[in-house]
Protein backbone atom coordinates (compact mmCIF):
# COMPACT_ATOMS: atom_id res chain seq x y z
CA MET A 1 11.66 45.34 15.07
CA THR A 2 8.98 47.44 16.70
CA GLY A 3 7.68 46.85 20.14
CA ASN A 4 4.31 45.34 18.70
CA ASP A 5 6.44 43.17 16.63
CA ASP A 6 7.97 42.21 19.90
CA VAL A 7 4.85 41.20 21.60
CA ALA A 8 3.34 39.34 18.36
CA GLY A 9 6.40 37.33 18.36
CA HIS A 10 6.49 36.62 22.10
CA GLY A 11 2.70 35.60 21.63
CA LEU A 12 3.59 33.36 18.85
CA ASP A 13 6.27 31.99 20.95
CA GLU A 14 4.25 31.40 23.74
CA ALA A 15 1.22 29.69 21.40
CA MET A 16 3.94 27.18 19.98
CA ALA A 17 5.26 26.48 23.37
CA MET A 18 1.84 25.54 24.69
CA VAL A 19 1.18 23.50 21.55
CA ALA A 20 4.03 21.41 21.97
CA ASP A 21 3.65 20.89 25.79
CA SER A 22 0.24 19.62 24.96
CA VAL A 23 1.49 17.09 22.20
CA ARG A 24 4.56 16.06 24.34
CA ARG A 25 2.11 14.54 27.11
CA SER A 26 1.10 12.09 24.63
CA VAL A 27 4.68 11.16 23.27
CA VAL A 28 6.49 8.01 24.83
CA ARG A 29 9.81 6.86 24.03
CA ILE A 30 10.22 3.00 23.05
CA ARG A 31 13.37 1.07 23.27
CA PRO A 32 13.92 -2.84 22.60
CA ARG A 33 14.93 -4.43 25.99
CA GLY A 34 18.44 -5.01 25.74
CA ARG A 35 19.39 -3.73 22.54
CA ASP A 36 20.17 -0.37 20.87
CA GLY A 37 17.62 1.49 18.88
CA GLY A 38 14.12 2.41 19.31
CA GLY A 39 12.20 5.65 18.74
CA ALA A 40 8.73 7.60 19.78
CA GLY A 41 5.29 6.32 20.01
CA VAL A 42 2.28 8.16 20.40
CA ILE A 43 -0.46 7.33 23.01
CA TRP A 44 -3.54 6.60 20.96
CA ARG A 45 -6.20 5.69 23.78
CA PRO A 46 -6.13 6.36 27.51
CA ASP A 47 -6.28 2.42 28.10
CA GLY A 48 -2.90 1.93 27.21
CA LEU A 49 -3.02 1.48 23.56
CA ILE A 50 0.19 2.95 21.84
CA VAL A 51 0.85 3.73 17.88
CA THR A 52 4.61 3.70 16.43
CA ASN A 53 6.43 2.24 13.37
CA ALA A 54 6.77 -1.26 12.63
CA HIS A 55 10.44 -0.98 12.40
CA VAL A 56 10.61 0.61 16.00
CA ALA A 57 8.41 -2.21 17.78
CA ARG A 58 10.71 -4.90 16.50
CA GLY A 59 11.28 -7.81 19.03
CA GLY A 60 8.98 -9.03 21.64
CA ASN A 61 10.25 -7.08 24.60
CA LEU A 62 10.08 -3.44 24.66
CA ASP A 63 10.49 -0.68 27.40
CA VAL A 64 7.93 2.13 27.09
CA GLU A 65 8.92 5.46 28.98
CA LEU A 66 6.10 8.03 29.51
CA ALA A 67 6.58 11.64 29.46
CA ASP A 68 6.12 11.38 33.43
CA GLY A 69 9.02 9.49 33.75
CA ARG A 70 7.59 6.02 34.30
CA VAL A 71 9.07 3.00 32.40
CA LEU A 72 6.55 0.36 31.63
CA ALA A 73 6.70 -3.03 29.75
CA GLY A 74 5.23 -2.93 26.09
CA THR A 75 3.81 -5.76 24.18
CA VAL A 76 3.11 -5.68 20.48
CA ALA A 77 -0.27 -6.22 19.68
CA ASP A 78 -0.51 -5.87 16.06
CA ARG A 79 2.48 -5.15 13.53
CA ASP A 80 2.46 -4.44 9.75
CA PRO A 81 5.66 -4.07 8.14
CA ALA A 82 4.11 -3.05 4.78
CA ARG A 83 2.47 -0.01 6.45
CA ASP A 84 5.25 0.43 8.75
CA LEU A 85 2.81 0.66 11.65
CA ALA A 86 2.73 -1.29 15.01
CA ALA A 87 0.09 -1.23 18.07
CA VAL A 88 1.84 -1.46 21.28
CA ARG A 89 0.09 -2.18 24.58
CA ILE A 90 1.31 -1.22 28.19
CA ASP A 91 -0.68 -1.90 31.41
CA ALA A 92 -1.72 1.47 32.39
CA GLY A 93 -4.84 3.48 32.18
CA ASP A 94 -6.09 6.89 32.19
CA LEU A 95 -3.28 8.11 30.09
CA PRO A 96 -2.92 11.46 28.25
CA ALA A 97 -4.07 10.45 24.76
CA ALA A 98 -3.21 12.41 21.70
CA ASP A 99 -5.75 14.69 20.21
CA VAL A 100 -6.22 12.82 16.85
CA ALA A 101 -7.64 14.72 13.59
CA HIS A 102 -7.72 13.49 10.00
CA ALA A 103 -4.95 14.54 7.71
CA ALA A 104 -7.39 15.14 4.56
CA GLY A 105 -7.82 18.56 5.56
CA LEU A 106 -4.18 19.65 5.49
CA ARG A 107 -2.67 21.82 2.53
CA ALA A 108 0.81 22.64 1.26
CA GLY A 109 2.05 25.39 3.38
CA ASP A 110 0.24 24.40 6.70
CA LEU A 111 2.40 24.80 9.82
CA VAL A 112 3.24 21.28 11.20
CA ILE A 113 5.27 20.14 14.03
CA ALA A 114 7.20 16.86 14.82
CA LEU A 115 8.09 15.55 18.27
CA GLY A 116 10.42 12.49 19.24
CA HIS A 117 13.64 11.64 20.89
CA PRO A 118 16.29 12.33 17.97
CA HIS A 119 19.85 11.35 18.94
CA GLY A 120 18.67 10.67 22.41
CA TRP A 121 17.04 14.34 23.01
CA VAL A 122 13.77 13.64 24.53
CA GLY A 123 10.93 15.19 23.31
CA ALA A 124 12.60 17.29 21.08
CA LEU A 125 10.79 19.58 18.66
CA SER A 126 10.86 20.28 14.95
CA VAL A 127 8.89 22.88 12.97
CA GLY A 128 8.04 22.84 9.42
CA VAL A 129 5.52 23.14 6.62
CA VAL A 130 3.59 20.49 4.58
CA HIS A 131 5.05 20.01 1.22
CA SER A 132 2.49 17.79 -0.27
CA VAL A 133 -0.41 15.49 0.82
CA GLU A 134 -0.18 12.24 -1.26
CA ARG A 135 -3.43 10.37 -2.61
CA ALA A 136 -3.87 7.64 -5.11
CA ARG A 137 -6.56 9.84 -6.62
CA PRO A 138 -8.16 13.26 -5.82
CA ASP A 139 -11.11 11.85 -3.89
CA ALA A 140 -9.23 9.26 -2.03
CA ALA A 141 -8.02 9.33 1.60
CA PRO A 142 -4.19 10.71 1.90
CA HIS A 143 -1.62 7.77 1.92
CA ALA A 144 1.41 10.02 2.90
CA ILE A 145 2.20 13.50 4.14
CA ARG A 146 5.39 15.11 3.15
CA ALA A 147 6.82 17.97 5.19
CA ALA A 148 9.74 20.44 5.00
CA LEU A 149 10.90 19.83 8.48
CA ARG A 150 13.99 18.07 10.31
CA LEU A 151 13.62 14.54 11.30
CA ALA A 152 16.48 12.26 12.74
CA PRO A 153 16.80 8.64 14.14
CA GLY A 154 14.54 8.63 17.36
CA ASN A 155 11.80 10.67 15.70
CA SER A 156 10.34 7.48 13.83
CA GLY A 157 7.15 6.52 15.20
CA GLY A 158 6.27 10.02 16.69
CA PRO A 159 3.72 12.32 15.97
CA LEU A 160 3.24 14.84 13.36
CA ALA A 161 0.91 17.54 14.45
CA ASP A 162 -0.82 20.71 13.11
CA ALA A 163 -0.73 24.10 14.55
CA ARG A 164 -3.49 23.30 16.77
CA GLY A 165 -1.62 20.38 18.41
CA ARG A 166 -3.78 17.83 16.93
CA VAL A 167 -2.02 14.66 15.44
CA VAL A 168 -2.37 14.17 11.93
CA GLY A 169 0.14 11.47 11.30
CA ILE A 170 3.09 9.29 12.67
CA ASN A 171 6.60 10.05 11.33
CA THR A 172 8.12 7.11 9.48
CA LEU A 173 11.08 8.16 7.34
CA VAL A 174 13.11 10.85 5.50
CA ALA A 175 12.98 11.07 1.73
CA ARG A 176 14.84 13.37 -0.56
CA GLY A 177 15.13 15.87 2.60
CA LEU A 178 11.35 15.76 3.43
CA GLY A 179 10.04 14.13 6.30
CA VAL A 180 7.43 11.48 5.50
CA ALA A 181 4.51 10.60 8.01
CA ILE A 182 1.63 8.14 7.70
CA PRO A 183 -1.81 9.99 7.79
CA THR A 184 -4.10 9.43 10.67
CA GLU A 185 -6.55 7.67 8.09
CA SER A 186 -4.24 5.05 7.45
CA VAL A 187 -3.61 4.42 11.21
CA GLU A 188 -7.36 4.20 11.95
CA ARG A 189 -7.62 1.42 9.18
CA PHE A 190 -4.66 -0.27 10.60
CA LEU A 191 -6.40 -0.29 14.18
CA GLY A 192 -9.52 -1.20 12.73
CA THR A 193 -8.49 -4.22 11.01
CA GLY A 194 -6.29 -5.53 13.63
CA GLY A 195 -3.12 -5.20 11.27
CA ARG A 196 -4.86 -7.37 8.51
CA ARG A 197 -4.74 -6.08 5.05
CA GLN A 198 -7.15 -6.40 2.43
CA SER A 199 -5.93 -8.92 -0.18
CA LEU A 200 -7.26 -9.64 -3.79
CA GLY A 201 -6.90 -13.31 -3.29
CA ALA A 202 -5.29 -14.24 -6.53
CA ARG A 203 -1.62 -15.04 -7.73
CA VAL A 204 -0.95 -12.87 -10.57
CA ARG A 205 2.10 -11.88 -12.97
CA PRO A 206 2.71 -8.86 -14.97
CA VAL A 207 2.00 -8.88 -18.96
CA ARG A 208 1.85 -6.07 -21.49
CA LEU A 209 -1.08 -5.66 -23.90
CA LEU A 210 -1.43 -3.75 -26.93
CA THR A 211 -4.23 -1.07 -26.26
CA VAL A 212 -6.61 -0.19 -29.15
CA ARG A 213 -6.99 3.51 -27.84
CA ALA A 214 -3.56 4.42 -29.00
CA GLU A 215 -1.46 2.40 -31.94
CA GLY A 216 1.69 0.96 -30.67
CA ALA A 217 1.03 1.94 -26.99
CA GLU A 218 0.98 -0.59 -24.31
CA LEU A 219 -1.11 -1.25 -21.43
CA PRO A 220 0.13 -2.70 -18.29
CA GLY A 221 -1.61 -5.91 -17.18
CA TRP A 222 -1.53 -8.54 -14.65
CA LEU A 223 -2.25 -12.25 -15.73
CA VAL A 224 -4.23 -14.33 -13.17
CA LEU A 225 -2.42 -17.56 -12.68
CA GLU A 226 -4.62 -18.65 -9.38
CA VAL A 227 -7.59 -17.74 -7.64
CA VAL A 228 -7.61 -18.23 -4.05
CA GLY A 229 -10.67 -20.03 -2.61
CA GLY A 230 -12.97 -17.56 -0.21
CA GLY A 231 -11.10 -14.56 -1.35
CA LEU A 232 -12.39 -11.34 -3.00
CA ALA A 233 -11.16 -12.60 -6.41
CA GLN A 234 -13.27 -15.79 -6.33
CA ALA A 235 -16.32 -13.73 -4.94
CA ALA A 236 -16.09 -11.23 -7.85
CA GLY A 237 -15.82 -14.13 -10.36
CA LEU A 238 -12.28 -13.69 -11.46
CA LEU A 239 -10.93 -16.64 -13.44
CA ALA A 240 -7.52 -18.02 -14.30
CA GLY A 241 -6.40 -16.55 -17.53
CA ASP A 242 -8.05 -13.08 -16.75
CA VAL A 243 -5.67 -9.98 -17.31
CA LEU A 244 -6.34 -7.08 -14.78
CA THR A 245 -5.84 -3.71 -16.40
CA ALA A 246 -7.26 -1.00 -14.31
CA LEU A 247 -8.66 -0.58 -10.85
CA GLU A 248 -11.34 2.54 -10.34
CA GLY A 249 -10.31 3.75 -13.87
CA ARG A 250 -6.62 3.68 -13.10
CA PRO A 251 -3.84 1.48 -14.49
CA VAL A 252 -2.76 -1.39 -12.14
CA ARG A 253 0.75 -0.59 -11.54
CA SER A 254 1.47 -3.50 -8.83
CA PRO A 255 -0.29 -5.67 -6.69
CA GLU A 256 0.37 -3.68 -3.53
CA GLU A 257 -1.62 -0.66 -5.25
CA ILE A 258 -4.46 -3.43 -5.43
CA ALA A 259 -4.22 -3.93 -1.46
CA ALA A 260 -3.59 -0.40 -0.81
CA THR A 261 -6.92 0.69 -2.88
CA LEU A 262 -8.97 -1.85 -1.08
CA ASP A 263 -7.61 -0.57 2.49
CA GLU A 264 -8.49 2.97 1.28
CA ALA A 265 -12.06 2.03 0.20
CA GLY A 266 -13.05 0.50 3.60
CA ALA A 267 -15.29 -2.19 4.78
CA GLY A 268 -18.38 -2.65 2.63
CA ALA A 269 -17.24 -0.71 -0.28
CA ARG A 270 -17.45 -1.82 -4.11
CA VAL A 271 -14.17 -1.34 -6.14
CA ARG A 272 -14.34 -1.26 -9.99
CA LEU A 273 -11.75 -3.78 -11.80
CA ASP A 274 -11.21 -3.68 -15.35
CA LEU A 275 -10.05 -6.67 -17.17
CA VAL A 276 -9.58 -8.54 -20.31
CA ARG A 277 -11.28 -11.87 -20.73
CA GLY A 278 -11.25 -13.96 -24.03
CA GLY A 279 -10.05 -10.79 -25.74
CA ARG A 280 -12.89 -8.76 -24.38
CA LEU A 281 -12.88 -6.07 -22.14
CA THR A 282 -15.11 -6.41 -18.89
CA ARG A 283 -15.94 -4.85 -15.59
CA VAL A 284 -16.42 -6.56 -12.07
CA ASP A 285 -17.01 -5.17 -8.72
CA LEU A 286 -14.80 -6.27 -5.82
CA ARG A 287 -16.51 -6.04 -2.60
CA VAL A 288 -14.37 -5.01 0.36
CA PRO A 289 -15.65 -7.39 3.16
CA GLY A 290 -16.90 -5.88 6.54
CA MET A 291 -14.95 -6.52 9.89
CA ALA A 292 -17.05 -9.49 10.85
CA GLU A 293 -16.24 -10.96 7.39
CA ALA A 294 -12.73 -10.04 7.61
CA ALA A 295 -12.19 -11.56 11.04
């Protein structure tokens, strides 16, 4: 290695150390009071709002340790196990909130870092690259970030940050050797709805239909057994006996996929639903309610 290489390497080391220190200020340690376990969290707002995983924020009594060493009582404000997200409140102000950025701009190969407390090592750093950014469709917001980096127990609920130190996701699990993070877009939707998920407002069961587009091929469908009063399905005119076949032009593989698509669409959006009624294909629009309506 030449002298110039030494300087370049030293400069990169310094830059990474500065990025890590910047992110570390907003990382907290969360422990269930009187029990083993816990993980990390991210100071989302200076007024004491912390985001973590739902599986980290189990139980009502939490101890939240800040980067400056203070330990404060934490209260779970909202929790959504389906998203694996939780909002925790502490009685403190003027906290060093994370610099949050959208994950939509991430690309495979981008440098990312994870911080947390794996195996009790407080504020430990792991560096890797983005493996993939998953979307339900090309124009949709991302619903998962997979990264080739090392995560371990204690990283859950901690930040995934880009090379500029901006938090782009919340680390949640390891799958097939890759770290998986929940994108910040999903976090903001969770916080904006107070932990509530959009729901179709109908009870359904799976059925199979023969499609006319390809002889012998089967089309997955969901038979509407019951329409719940006051829900999205009733507002769109769905009836018991309808068979749902596609959402935004894509086959419906599960009721959870409908809820996820409605969440991604956001308040006020219209989502196209294809269905079979009386043997005929038809189409309706599901209108996602705004915040005031959802409340």
